[in-house]
């Protein structure tokens, strides 16, 4: 990347609320920025980027036979999902949770209501989520919900006999050398699959690089190839608000004047793991923008991608 672009990027970042921004190209770390008081050892909460890690672990669990497949009913693993008052809940499958099409009522943000905030303070998170009424038939409509992903975590814990964090350490984090990972749990010990992961920016970049490498790390396959392809392809059109389509816990859309196809993990307050296969590029952003989670995105599009479009940032 043009050193002049990096200089301008760092000048712009210096006046921002970005804590860390890391970019790797062709498997090599080419740029790191850290705000005052932070460095490569700093651990950042990645919020809903957690979902992409959960999605990867669900794919691994399917490959290992812990789950039969994405069309398994959730009630096979969480019998309480077969609620007698609404038999339609028995139709909810892992696929519906992976693609946010469970039909369970949920307001993630906006409108003065937040089920996310409510369930985080509930005495039993899983019971709270399953207690939501159905507002659509399972599979019929996209509705982004951290609750959906937490149910995936609970189902995996039941299937594997260990928490999502424990399973993740064994299957992903230790093989990748990601030794900074912290992942909180709910009151029942179920890992907060939709929101609770924290790690260094470098470790987040390792996860993105694993996807660029086709799920193989140091000659060892960690993520099944077919799962990687399915999870990073749009399974539906998402929310229609510019975030893009939605795969299995990854957002999918193109960025930049070059129209680079990108899949990305996205967390509240401006956390990102961008993966651009065409450029063999990974960019991680950890930031604090509580009023606008999209705010740091131009640092990626207008500087990093602009360098490959042949444009120069203003």
Protein backbone atom coordinates (compact mmCIF):
# COMPACT_ATOMS: atom_id res chain seq x y z
CA UNK A 1 0.00 0.00 0.00
CA UNK A 2 1.21 3.50 -0.83
CA UNK A 3 2.98 4.91 2.26
CA UNK A 4 1.35 8.29 1.56
CA UNK A 5 -2.07 6.69 1.94
CA UNK A 6 -1.05 5.19 5.26
CA UNK A 7 0.25 8.54 6.46
CA UNK A 8 -3.05 10.22 5.62
CA UNK A 9 -4.99 7.37 7.19
CA UNK A 10 -3.09 7.69 10.46
CA UNK A 11 -3.54 11.45 10.45
CA UNK A 12 -7.30 10.98 10.09
CA UNK A 13 -7.42 8.25 12.73
CA UNK A 14 -5.60 10.44 15.23
CA UNK A 15 -8.66 12.66 15.55
CA UNK A 16 -11.16 9.82 15.71
CA UNK A 17 -12.69 7.44 18.23
CA UNK A 18 -10.94 4.45 16.69
CA UNK A 19 -8.96 2.49 19.26
CA UNK A 20 -7.25 0.15 16.80
CA UNK A 21 -7.11 -0.49 13.06
CA UNK A 22 -5.11 -3.37 11.61
CA UNK A 23 -4.73 -4.40 7.97
CA UNK A 24 -3.18 -7.55 6.51
CA UNK A 25 -2.48 -8.06 2.80
CA UNK A 26 -1.48 -11.38 1.25
CA UNK A 27 -1.19 -12.84 4.73
CA UNK A 28 1.22 -10.16 5.95
CA UNK A 29 0.43 -7.45 8.47
CA UNK A 30 1.02 -4.21 6.54
CA UNK A 31 -0.37 -1.57 8.87
CA UNK A 32 -1.34 -1.07 12.50
CA UNK A 33 -2.77 1.95 14.21
CA UNK A 34 -3.49 2.26 17.93
CA UNK A 35 -5.00 5.19 19.74
CA UNK A 36 -3.35 6.70 22.76
CA UNK A 37 -3.08 4.19 25.59
CA UNK A 38 -3.61 1.14 23.36
CA UNK A 39 -1.23 -1.25 21.62
CA UNK A 40 -1.07 -4.71 20.06
CA UNK A 41 -1.75 -6.34 23.45
CA UNK A 42 -4.95 -4.38 24.13
CA UNK A 43 -8.13 -6.45 24.26
CA UNK A 44 -11.25 -4.90 22.72
CA UNK A 45 -14.93 -5.90 22.99
CA UNK A 46 -16.09 -6.78 19.48
CA UNK A 47 -19.80 -6.93 20.34
CA UNK A 48 -21.79 -8.47 17.48
CA UNK A 49 -18.67 -9.54 15.61
CA UNK A 50 -19.11 -12.43 18.06
CA UNK A 51 -21.80 -13.78 15.75
CA UNK A 52 -19.31 -14.64 13.01
CA UNK A 53 -17.21 -16.66 15.46
CA UNK A 54 -20.33 -18.48 16.64
CA UNK A 55 -21.30 -19.20 13.05
CA UNK A 56 -17.89 -20.73 12.35
CA UNK A 57 -18.17 -22.98 15.38
CA UNK A 58 -21.65 -24.15 14.38
CA UNK A 59 -20.22 -25.16 11.00
CA UNK A 60 -17.42 -27.10 12.68
CA UNK A 61 -19.94 -28.81 14.97
CA UNK A 62 -22.02 -29.87 11.96
CA UNK A 63 -18.91 -31.28 10.28
CA UNK A 64 -18.12 -33.26 13.43
CA UNK A 65 -21.63 -34.67 13.63
CA UNK A 66 -22.63 -32.85 16.80
CA UNK A 67 -25.44 -31.29 14.78
CA UNK A 68 -27.16 -33.17 11.98
CA UNK A 69 -27.30 -30.08 9.76
CA UNK A 70 -28.71 -26.59 9.47
CA UNK A 71 -32.25 -27.90 9.11
CA UNK A 72 -32.22 -29.58 12.51
CA UNK A 73 -35.06 -28.25 14.68
CA UNK A 74 -33.81 -26.14 17.58
CA UNK A 75 -36.03 -28.23 19.86
CA UNK A 76 -33.81 -31.26 19.19
CA UNK A 77 -31.23 -29.54 21.40
CA UNK A 78 -33.36 -27.20 23.49
CA UNK A 79 -36.61 -29.09 24.22
CA UNK A 80 -38.04 -25.98 25.86
CA UNK A 81 -38.23 -24.46 22.36
CA UNK A 82 -41.21 -26.73 21.65
CA UNK A 83 -43.57 -24.38 23.42
CA UNK A 84 -47.07 -25.84 23.68
CA UNK A 85 -48.79 -22.44 23.37
CA UNK A 86 -47.44 -21.92 19.86
CA UNK A 87 -46.57 -25.10 18.00
CA UNK A 88 -44.95 -23.05 15.24
CA UNK A 89 -41.89 -22.58 17.46
CA UNK A 90 -41.13 -26.25 16.88
CA UNK A 91 -40.44 -25.32 13.26
CA UNK A 92 -37.50 -23.07 14.18
CA UNK A 93 -34.29 -24.60 12.83
CA UNK A 94 -30.61 -23.86 13.15
CA UNK A 95 -30.78 -22.32 9.66
CA UNK A 96 -33.41 -19.85 10.85
CA UNK A 97 -31.17 -18.81 13.75
CA UNK A 98 -28.10 -18.55 11.52
CA UNK A 99 -29.92 -16.28 9.06
CA UNK A 100 -32.01 -14.29 11.58
CA UNK A 101 -35.27 -15.63 10.22
CA UNK A 102 -36.56 -17.39 13.36
CA UNK A 103 -39.70 -15.24 13.46
CA UNK A 104 -39.24 -14.51 17.17
CA UNK A 105 -40.19 -10.96 18.09
CA UNK A 106 -37.08 -8.88 18.66
CA UNK A 107 -36.11 -5.21 18.65
CA UNK A 108 -32.33 -5.08 18.57
CA UNK A 109 -32.17 -1.30 18.55
CA UNK A 110 -34.17 1.84 17.84
CA UNK A 111 -37.75 2.82 18.50
CA UNK A 112 -37.12 3.34 22.19
CA UNK A 113 -37.13 -0.40 22.85
CA UNK A 114 -34.29 -2.90 23.05
CA UNK A 115 -34.79 -6.58 23.67
CA UNK A 116 -31.00 -6.82 23.65
CA UNK A 117 -30.81 -4.65 26.75
CA UNK A 118 -33.69 -6.50 28.40
CA UNK A 119 -32.36 -10.00 27.90
CA UNK A 120 -28.89 -9.04 29.13
CA UNK A 121 -30.45 -8.25 32.51
CA UNK A 122 -32.81 -11.25 32.58
CA UNK A 123 -32.16 -14.02 35.12
CA UNK A 124 -32.34 -16.65 32.34
CA UNK A 125 -31.37 -15.40 28.89
CA UNK A 126 -32.44 -18.49 26.97
CA UNK A 127 -35.86 -18.53 28.62
CA UNK A 128 -36.28 -14.82 27.86
CA UNK A 129 -35.49 -15.32 24.16
CA UNK A 130 -37.68 -18.38 23.75
CA UNK A 131 -40.47 -16.53 25.53
CA UNK A 132 -40.74 -13.98 22.75
CA UNK A 133 -43.87 -14.39 20.64
CA UNK A 134 -43.66 -15.27 16.97
CA UNK A 135 -44.33 -12.29 14.71
CA UNK A 136 -43.56 -14.17 11.48
CA UNK A 137 -43.49 -17.76 10.35
CA UNK A 138 -40.01 -19.27 10.83
CA UNK A 139 -38.02 -18.69 7.66
CA UNK A 140 -40.32 -15.98 6.31
CA UNK A 141 -38.61 -12.71 7.26
CA UNK A 142 -35.23 -11.31 8.29
CA UNK A 143 -35.10 -9.70 11.72
CA UNK A 144 -31.65 -9.16 13.20
CA UNK A 145 -31.50 -10.62 16.70
CA UNK A 146 -28.66 -11.24 19.12
CA UNK A 147 -31.13 -13.60 20.75
CA UNK A 148 -31.03 -15.92 17.73
CA UNK A 149 -27.28 -16.31 18.03
CA UNK A 150 -27.44 -16.89 21.77
CA UNK A 151 -29.80 -19.79 21.09
CA UNK A 152 -27.16 -21.24 18.74
CA UNK A 153 -24.65 -21.04 21.58
CA UNK A 154 -27.05 -22.80 23.94
CA UNK A 155 -27.79 -25.51 21.37
CA UNK A 156 -24.09 -26.11 20.72
CA UNK A 157 -23.40 -26.36 24.44
CA UNK A 158 -26.10 -29.01 24.72
CA UNK A 159 -24.77 -30.92 21.69
CA UNK A 160 -21.08 -30.71 22.58
CA UNK A 161 -21.31 -31.03 26.35
CA UNK A 162 -19.10 -27.98 26.73
CA UNK A 163 -19.56 -24.24 26.35
CA UNK A 164 -19.10 -22.38 23.09
CA UNK A 165 -15.98 -20.77 24.57
CA UNK A 166 -14.47 -24.14 25.51
CA UNK A 167 -15.34 -25.57 22.11
CA UNK A 168 -13.94 -22.47 20.42
CA UNK A 169 -10.65 -22.72 22.27
CA UNK A 170 -10.24 -26.31 21.14
CA UNK A 171 -11.36 -25.91 17.53
CA UNK A 172 -10.33 -22.36 16.61
CA UNK A 173 -8.56 -20.16 19.10
CA UNK A 174 -5.69 -22.41 20.16
CA UNK A 175 -4.95 -23.68 16.62
CA UNK A 176 -4.90 -20.07 15.39
CA UNK A 177 -2.70 -18.87 18.26
CA UNK A 178 -5.45 -16.54 19.48
CA UNK A 179 -4.48 -16.41 23.14
CA UNK A 180 -6.21 -13.13 24.01
CA UNK A 181 -9.82 -14.30 23.64
CA UNK A 182 -12.26 -13.55 26.45
CA UNK A 183 -15.92 -14.54 26.00
CA UNK A 184 -18.46 -13.84 28.70
CA UNK A 185 -21.37 -16.08 29.65
CA UNK A 186 -24.97 -15.71 30.81
CA UNK A 187 -26.12 -16.59 34.36
CA UNK A 188 -26.52 -20.25 33.37
CA UNK A 189 -22.99 -20.44 31.94
CA UNK A 190 -24.03 -20.26 28.27
CA UNK A 191 -21.43 -18.31 26.30
CA UNK A 192 -22.80 -15.00 24.99
CA UNK A 193 -22.64 -16.15 21.39
CA UNK A 194 -24.18 -13.04 19.89
CA UNK A 195 -22.26 -10.30 21.60
CA UNK A 196 -19.72 -11.13 24.30
CA UNK A 197 -16.35 -11.80 22.67
CA UNK A 198 -13.24 -9.66 23.24
CA UNK A 199 -9.70 -9.99 21.83
CA UNK A 200 -6.79 -8.08 20.37
CA UNK A 201 -7.09 -6.56 16.91
CA UNK A 202 -4.34 -8.91 15.71
CA UNK A 203 -6.27 -11.96 16.89
CA UNK A 204 -9.39 -10.73 15.12
CA UNK A 205 -7.29 -10.36 11.96
CA UNK A 206 -6.14 -13.97 12.33
CA UNK A 207 -9.76 -15.07 12.22
CA UNK A 208 -10.34 -13.07 9.04
CA UNK A 209 -7.16 -14.47 7.53
CA UNK A 210 -8.35 -18.01 8.25
CA UNK A 211 -11.35 -17.33 6.04
CA UNK A 212 -9.13 -15.92 3.31
CA UNK A 213 -7.06 -19.10 3.51
CA UNK A 214 -10.17 -21.16 2.81
CA UNK A 215 -10.48 -22.38 6.39
CA UNK A 216 -6.99 -23.92 6.45
CA UNK A 217 -4.28 -22.81 8.90
CA UNK A 218 -0.71 -24.14 8.79
CA UNK A 219 -1.89 -27.05 6.67
CA UNK A 220 -4.73 -28.01 9.02
CA UNK A 221 -8.35 -27.58 8.00
CA UNK A 222 -10.24 -25.80 10.76
CA UNK A 223 -13.43 -24.74 8.98
CA UNK A 224 -15.12 -26.99 6.40
CA UNK A 225 -14.78 -25.58 2.88
CA UNK A 226 -18.47 -25.95 2.08
CA UNK A 227 -19.44 -24.19 5.29
CA UNK A 228 -17.11 -21.31 4.58
CA UNK A 229 -18.62 -20.87 1.12
CA UNK A 230 -22.21 -21.03 2.37
CA UNK A 231 -21.69 -18.78 5.37
CA UNK A 232 -20.08 -15.99 3.35
CA UNK A 233 -22.70 -16.04 0.58
CA UNK A 234 -25.90 -14.05 1.02
CA UNK A 235 -28.67 -16.34 2.25
CA UNK A 236 -31.12 -13.43 2.29
CA UNK A 237 -31.20 -9.69 1.60
CA UNK A 238 -30.67 -8.64 5.21
CA UNK A 239 -32.29 -5.56 6.64
CA UNK A 240 -32.19 -3.46 3.48
CA UNK A 241 -30.43 -0.62 5.27
CA UNK A 242 -27.02 -0.63 3.60
CA UNK A 243 -25.48 -3.32 5.75
CA UNK A 244 -25.89 -5.78 2.89
CA UNK A 245 -27.16 -9.30 2.54
CA UNK A 246 -26.75 -11.87 5.28
CA UNK A 247 -25.07 -15.27 5.19
CA UNK A 248 -24.56 -17.54 8.16
CA UNK A 249 -23.64 -14.85 10.71
CA UNK A 250 -21.66 -12.74 8.21
CA UNK A 251 -22.77 -9.60 6.41
CA UNK A 252 -22.17 -9.66 2.65
CA UNK A 253 -21.92 -6.70 0.25
CA UNK A 254 -19.54 -4.85 -2.06
CA UNK A 255 -17.49 -1.81 -1.02
CA UNK A 256 -15.40 0.83 -2.76
CA UNK A 257 -15.48 2.26 -6.25
CA UNK A 258 -13.98 -1.02 -7.39
CA UNK A 259 -17.06 -2.85 -6.14
CA UNK A 260 -15.01 -5.32 -4.14
CA UNK A 261 -17.09 -8.22 -2.89
CA UNK A 262 -16.65 -8.29 0.87
CA UNK A 263 -17.96 -10.26 3.79
CA UNK A 264 -17.64 -8.78 7.21
CA UNK A 265 -18.35 -9.12 10.90
CA UNK A 266 -19.99 -6.03 12.34
CA UNK A 267 -20.45 -5.03 15.97
CA UNK A 268 -22.16 -2.18 17.76
CA UNK A 269 -20.29 1.08 18.27
CA UNK A 270 -18.10 0.46 15.24
CA UNK A 271 -16.38 -2.93 15.42
CA UNK A 272 -15.48 -4.54 12.10
CA UNK A 273 -13.63 -7.47 10.57
CA UNK A 274 -13.62 -6.88 6.79
CA UNK A 275 -12.54 -9.72 4.48
CA UNK A 276 -11.93 -8.91 0.79
CA UNK A 277 -10.99 -12.10 -1.11
CA UNK A 278 -10.24 -10.33 -4.42
CA UNK A 279 -7.53 -8.26 -2.72
CA UNK A 280 -6.47 -10.97 -0.23
CA UNK A 281 -7.11 -8.33 2.40
CA UNK A 282 -8.31 -8.23 6.00
CA UNK A 283 -9.00 -5.04 7.95
CA UNK A 284 -10.02 -4.93 11.60
CA UNK A 285 -11.42 -1.84 13.31
CA UNK A 286 -12.11 -1.49 17.04
CA UNK A 287 -13.73 1.79 17.99
CA UNK A 288 -16.21 3.64 20.18
CA UNK A 289 -19.05 5.33 18.28
CA UNK A 290 -22.14 4.74 20.44
CA UNK A 291 -24.30 7.03 18.30
CA UNK A 292 -23.26 5.71 14.89
CA UNK A 293 -21.79 2.25 14.40
CA UNK A 294 -21.17 3.02 10.73
CA UNK A 295 -18.95 6.03 11.49
CA UNK A 296 -15.54 4.31 11.17
CA UNK A 297 -16.37 2.54 7.92
CA UNK A 298 -14.91 5.31 5.70
CA UNK A 299 -11.47 4.63 7.15
CA UNK A 300 -11.72 1.30 5.36
CA UNK A 301 -13.46 2.40 2.16
CA UNK A 302 -11.88 5.82 1.62
CA UNK A 303 -8.32 4.91 2.57
CA UNK A 304 -7.61 1.18 2.44
CA UNK A 305 -9.81 0.32 -0.53
CA UNK A 306 -9.12 3.66 -2.20
CA UNK A 307 -5.46 2.70 -2.40
CA UNK A 308 -6.41 -0.24 -4.60
CA UNK A 309 -8.96 1.73 -6.62
CA UNK A 310 -6.14 4.06 -7.62
CA UNK A 311 -7.84 6.89 -5.73
CA UNK A 312 -6.22 9.14 -3.19
CA UNK A 313 -8.06 10.11 -0.01
CA UNK A 314 -9.07 13.73 0.20
